[in-house]
Amino acid sequence: MITIARLISVFVTSYSFNGNIIPYDTWWGLLIWAIIFVMTAALCYYVYKHGDKIEKFFKKRFSRKNGGKDDTSR
């Protein structure tokens, strides 16, 4: 969801500056937009297919190590 929102914000920002950041009227500007779109679609597909593994990785990486005790007793 964040990736899609970020893509939309980049698109709107480039249009708000009259197409000066990533032009939409040149062949290379359209190529950059196509690459951004394909990369976003590929990332969404990867997250959809491997979401459980990604979630486990982040839970393991950022979980608090409190000796197996539950923090709800506070």
N, C-alpha and C. Protein backbone atom coordinates (compact mmCIF):
# COMPACT_ATOMS: atom_id res chain seq x y z
N MET A 1 0.82 -1.19 0.00
CA MET A 1 0.00 0.00 0.00
C MET A 1 0.87 1.26 0.00
N ILE A 2 1.94 1.23 0.79
CA ILE A 2 2.83 2.38 0.85
C ILE A 2 3.51 2.61 -0.50
N THR A 3 3.87 1.53 -1.17
CA THR A 3 4.53 1.65 -2.47
C THR A 3 3.61 2.31 -3.48
N ILE A 4 2.36 1.92 -3.48
CA ILE A 4 1.39 2.51 -4.41
C ILE A 4 1.18 3.98 -4.09
N ALA A 5 1.06 4.30 -2.81
CA ALA A 5 0.88 5.69 -2.41
C ALA A 5 2.11 6.52 -2.78
N ARG A 6 3.29 5.94 -2.62
CA ARG A 6 4.52 6.66 -2.98
C ARG A 6 4.57 6.92 -4.48
N LEU A 7 4.18 5.94 -5.27
CA LEU A 7 4.18 6.12 -6.72
C LEU A 7 3.23 7.25 -7.12
N ILE A 8 2.07 7.28 -6.51
CA ILE A 8 1.10 8.33 -6.82
C ILE A 8 1.66 9.69 -6.42
N SER A 9 2.33 9.77 -5.27
CA SER A 9 2.87 11.06 -4.84
C SER A 9 4.00 11.53 -5.77
N VAL A 10 4.82 10.61 -6.24
CA VAL A 10 5.87 10.98 -7.19
C VAL A 10 5.23 11.48 -8.49
N PHE A 11 4.21 10.81 -8.95
CA PHE A 11 3.51 11.20 -10.17
C PHE A 11 2.91 12.59 -10.03
N VAL A 12 2.23 12.84 -8.93
CA VAL A 12 1.59 14.14 -8.72
C VAL A 12 2.65 15.23 -8.57
N THR A 13 3.74 14.94 -7.88
CA THR A 13 4.79 15.93 -7.72
C THR A 13 5.40 16.31 -9.05
N SER A 14 5.63 15.34 -9.90
CA SER A 14 6.23 15.66 -11.19
C SER A 14 5.27 16.46 -12.06
N TYR A 15 3.99 16.20 -11.96
CA TYR A 15 3.02 17.00 -12.69
C TYR A 15 2.88 18.40 -12.10
N SER A 16 3.01 18.51 -10.78
CA SER A 16 2.85 19.82 -10.17
C SER A 16 3.98 20.77 -10.52
N PHE A 17 5.13 20.23 -10.86
CA PHE A 17 6.24 21.06 -11.31
C PHE A 17 6.27 21.16 -12.83
N ASN A 18 5.12 21.00 -13.44
CA ASN A 18 4.95 21.13 -14.89
C ASN A 18 5.79 20.12 -15.66
N GLY A 19 6.01 18.96 -15.08
CA GLY A 19 6.74 17.91 -15.78
C GLY A 19 8.23 18.14 -15.83
N ASN A 20 8.77 18.97 -14.97
CA ASN A 20 10.20 19.25 -15.01
C ASN A 20 11.04 18.17 -14.33
N ILE A 21 10.49 17.42 -13.39
CA ILE A 21 11.25 16.38 -12.70
C ILE A 21 11.40 15.16 -13.60
N ILE A 22 10.28 14.58 -13.97
CA ILE A 22 10.27 13.48 -14.93
C ILE A 22 9.30 13.90 -16.04
N PRO A 23 9.82 14.33 -17.15
CA PRO A 23 8.93 14.83 -18.21
C PRO A 23 8.03 13.72 -18.75
N TYR A 24 6.85 14.09 -19.12
CA TYR A 24 5.88 13.14 -19.64
C TYR A 24 5.63 13.34 -21.13
N ASP A 25 6.43 14.18 -21.76
CA ASP A 25 6.25 14.41 -23.19
C ASP A 25 7.49 14.07 -24.01
N THR A 26 8.43 13.34 -23.43
CA THR A 26 9.61 12.88 -24.16
C THR A 26 9.66 11.36 -24.08
N TRP A 27 10.43 10.76 -24.99
CA TRP A 27 10.51 9.29 -24.99
C TRP A 27 11.20 8.79 -23.74
N TRP A 28 12.23 9.48 -23.26
CA TRP A 28 12.93 8.98 -22.08
C TRP A 28 12.13 9.23 -20.81
N GLY A 29 11.31 10.26 -20.78
CA GLY A 29 10.43 10.48 -19.63
C GLY A 29 9.38 9.39 -19.53
N LEU A 30 8.81 9.03 -20.68
CA LEU A 30 7.83 7.94 -20.70
C LEU A 30 8.48 6.61 -20.34
N LEU A 31 9.72 6.42 -20.76
CA LEU A 31 10.45 5.21 -20.41
C LEU A 31 10.67 5.13 -18.89
N ILE A 32 11.03 6.24 -18.29
CA ILE A 32 11.21 6.24 -16.83
C ILE A 32 9.89 5.92 -16.13
N TRP A 33 8.79 6.51 -16.60
CA TRP A 33 7.48 6.21 -16.00
C TRP A 33 7.12 4.73 -16.18
N ALA A 34 7.42 4.17 -17.33
CA ALA A 34 7.14 2.75 -17.56
C ALA A 34 7.98 1.88 -16.63
N ILE A 35 9.24 2.24 -16.44
CA ILE A 35 10.11 1.47 -15.53
C ILE A 35 9.59 1.56 -14.10
N ILE A 36 9.19 2.76 -13.67
CA ILE A 36 8.63 2.92 -12.33
C ILE A 36 7.39 2.06 -12.16
N PHE A 37 6.52 2.06 -13.17
CA PHE A 37 5.30 1.27 -13.09
C PHE A 37 5.60 -0.23 -13.01
N VAL A 38 6.51 -0.71 -13.86
CA VAL A 38 6.85 -2.13 -13.87
C VAL A 38 7.51 -2.55 -12.55
N MET A 39 8.40 -1.71 -12.04
CA MET A 39 9.05 -2.03 -10.77
C MET A 39 8.04 -2.06 -9.61
N THR A 40 7.09 -1.14 -9.62
CA THR A 40 6.06 -1.12 -8.59
C THR A 40 5.19 -2.37 -8.68
N ALA A 41 4.81 -2.74 -9.89
CA ALA A 41 3.99 -3.94 -10.06
C ALA A 41 4.76 -5.19 -9.63
N ALA A 42 6.04 -5.26 -9.96
CA ALA A 42 6.85 -6.41 -9.56
C ALA A 42 7.01 -6.47 -8.05
N LEU A 43 7.22 -5.32 -7.42
CA LEU A 43 7.34 -5.28 -5.97
C LEU A 43 6.04 -5.69 -5.29
N CYS A 44 4.92 -5.22 -5.80
CA CYS A 44 3.62 -5.62 -5.25
C CYS A 44 3.40 -7.11 -5.38
N TYR A 45 3.76 -7.68 -6.53
CA TYR A 45 3.62 -9.12 -6.73
C TYR A 45 4.51 -9.89 -5.76
N TYR A 46 5.76 -9.45 -5.59
CA TYR A 46 6.69 -10.12 -4.68
C TYR A 46 6.17 -10.08 -3.24
N VAL A 47 5.70 -8.91 -2.81
CA VAL A 47 5.17 -8.79 -1.45
C VAL A 47 3.93 -9.66 -1.28
N TYR A 48 3.11 -9.74 -2.30
CA TYR A 48 1.90 -10.58 -2.23
C TYR A 48 2.27 -12.05 -2.08
N LYS A 49 3.25 -12.50 -2.84
CA LYS A 49 3.64 -13.92 -2.81
C LYS A 49 4.45 -14.29 -1.58
N HIS A 50 5.28 -13.38 -1.07
CA HIS A 50 6.20 -13.71 0.02
C HIS A 50 5.93 -12.87 1.26
N GLY A 51 4.71 -12.43 1.45
CA GLY A 51 4.37 -11.57 2.57
C GLY A 51 4.62 -12.21 3.92
N ASP A 52 4.34 -13.50 4.05
CA ASP A 52 4.55 -14.18 5.33
C ASP A 52 6.03 -14.23 5.70
N LYS A 53 6.88 -14.51 4.76
CA LYS A 53 8.31 -14.55 5.02
C LYS A 53 8.84 -13.17 5.40
N ILE A 54 8.36 -12.15 4.71
CA ILE A 54 8.79 -10.79 4.99
C ILE A 54 8.34 -10.39 6.40
N GLU A 55 7.11 -10.73 6.74
CA GLU A 55 6.60 -10.40 8.07
C GLU A 55 7.38 -11.11 9.16
N LYS A 56 7.69 -12.39 8.96
CA LYS A 56 8.48 -13.13 9.95
C LYS A 56 9.87 -12.52 10.11
N PHE A 57 10.48 -12.12 9.00
CA PHE A 57 11.80 -11.50 9.06
C PHE A 57 11.77 -10.23 9.91
N PHE A 58 10.79 -9.37 9.67
CA PHE A 58 10.71 -8.12 10.42
C PHE A 58 10.35 -8.36 11.88
N LYS A 59 9.48 -9.33 12.15
CA LYS A 59 9.14 -9.64 13.54
C LYS A 59 10.37 -10.15 14.28
N LYS A 60 11.14 -11.01 13.63
CA LYS A 60 12.34 -11.55 14.26
C LYS A 60 13.38 -10.45 14.44
N ARG A 61 13.50 -9.59 13.47
CA ARG A 61 14.53 -8.54 13.48
C ARG A 61 14.23 -7.45 14.51
N PHE A 62 12.98 -7.08 14.67
CA PHE A 62 12.64 -5.94 15.51
C PHE A 62 11.86 -6.29 16.76
N SER A 63 11.73 -7.57 17.09
CA SER A 63 11.00 -7.92 18.30
C SER A 63 11.88 -7.64 19.52
N ARG A 64 11.21 -7.36 20.62
CA ARG A 64 11.93 -7.12 21.87
C ARG A 64 12.34 -8.45 22.46
N LYS A 65 13.54 -8.48 22.94
CA LYS A 65 14.03 -9.70 23.58
C LYS A 65 13.88 -9.51 25.09
N ASN A 66 12.81 -10.10 25.63
CA ASN A 66 12.52 -9.92 27.05
C ASN A 66 12.46 -11.25 27.78
N GLY A 67 13.19 -12.21 27.33
CA GLY A 67 13.25 -13.49 28.02
C GLY A 67 11.98 -14.31 27.91
N GLY A 68 11.18 -14.05 26.90
CA GLY A 68 9.96 -14.82 26.71
C GLY A 68 8.80 -14.35 27.56
N LYS A 69 8.98 -13.30 28.33
CA LYS A 69 7.89 -12.76 29.16
C LYS A 69 7.01 -11.86 28.32
N ASP A 70 5.78 -11.79 28.72
CA ASP A 70 4.81 -10.99 28.01
C ASP A 70 4.81 -9.57 28.57
N ASP A 71 4.75 -8.56 27.71
CA ASP A 71 4.75 -7.16 28.15
C ASP A 71 3.38 -6.72 28.64
N THR A 72 2.36 -7.54 28.57
CA THR A 72 1.02 -7.14 28.96
C THR A 72 0.85 -7.09 30.47
N SER A 73 1.81 -7.59 31.25
CA SER A 73 1.67 -7.62 32.70
C SER A 73 1.98 -6.26 33.33
N ARG A 74 2.44 -5.30 32.59
CA ARG A 74 2.76 -3.97 33.13
C ARG A 74 1.57 -3.13 33.37
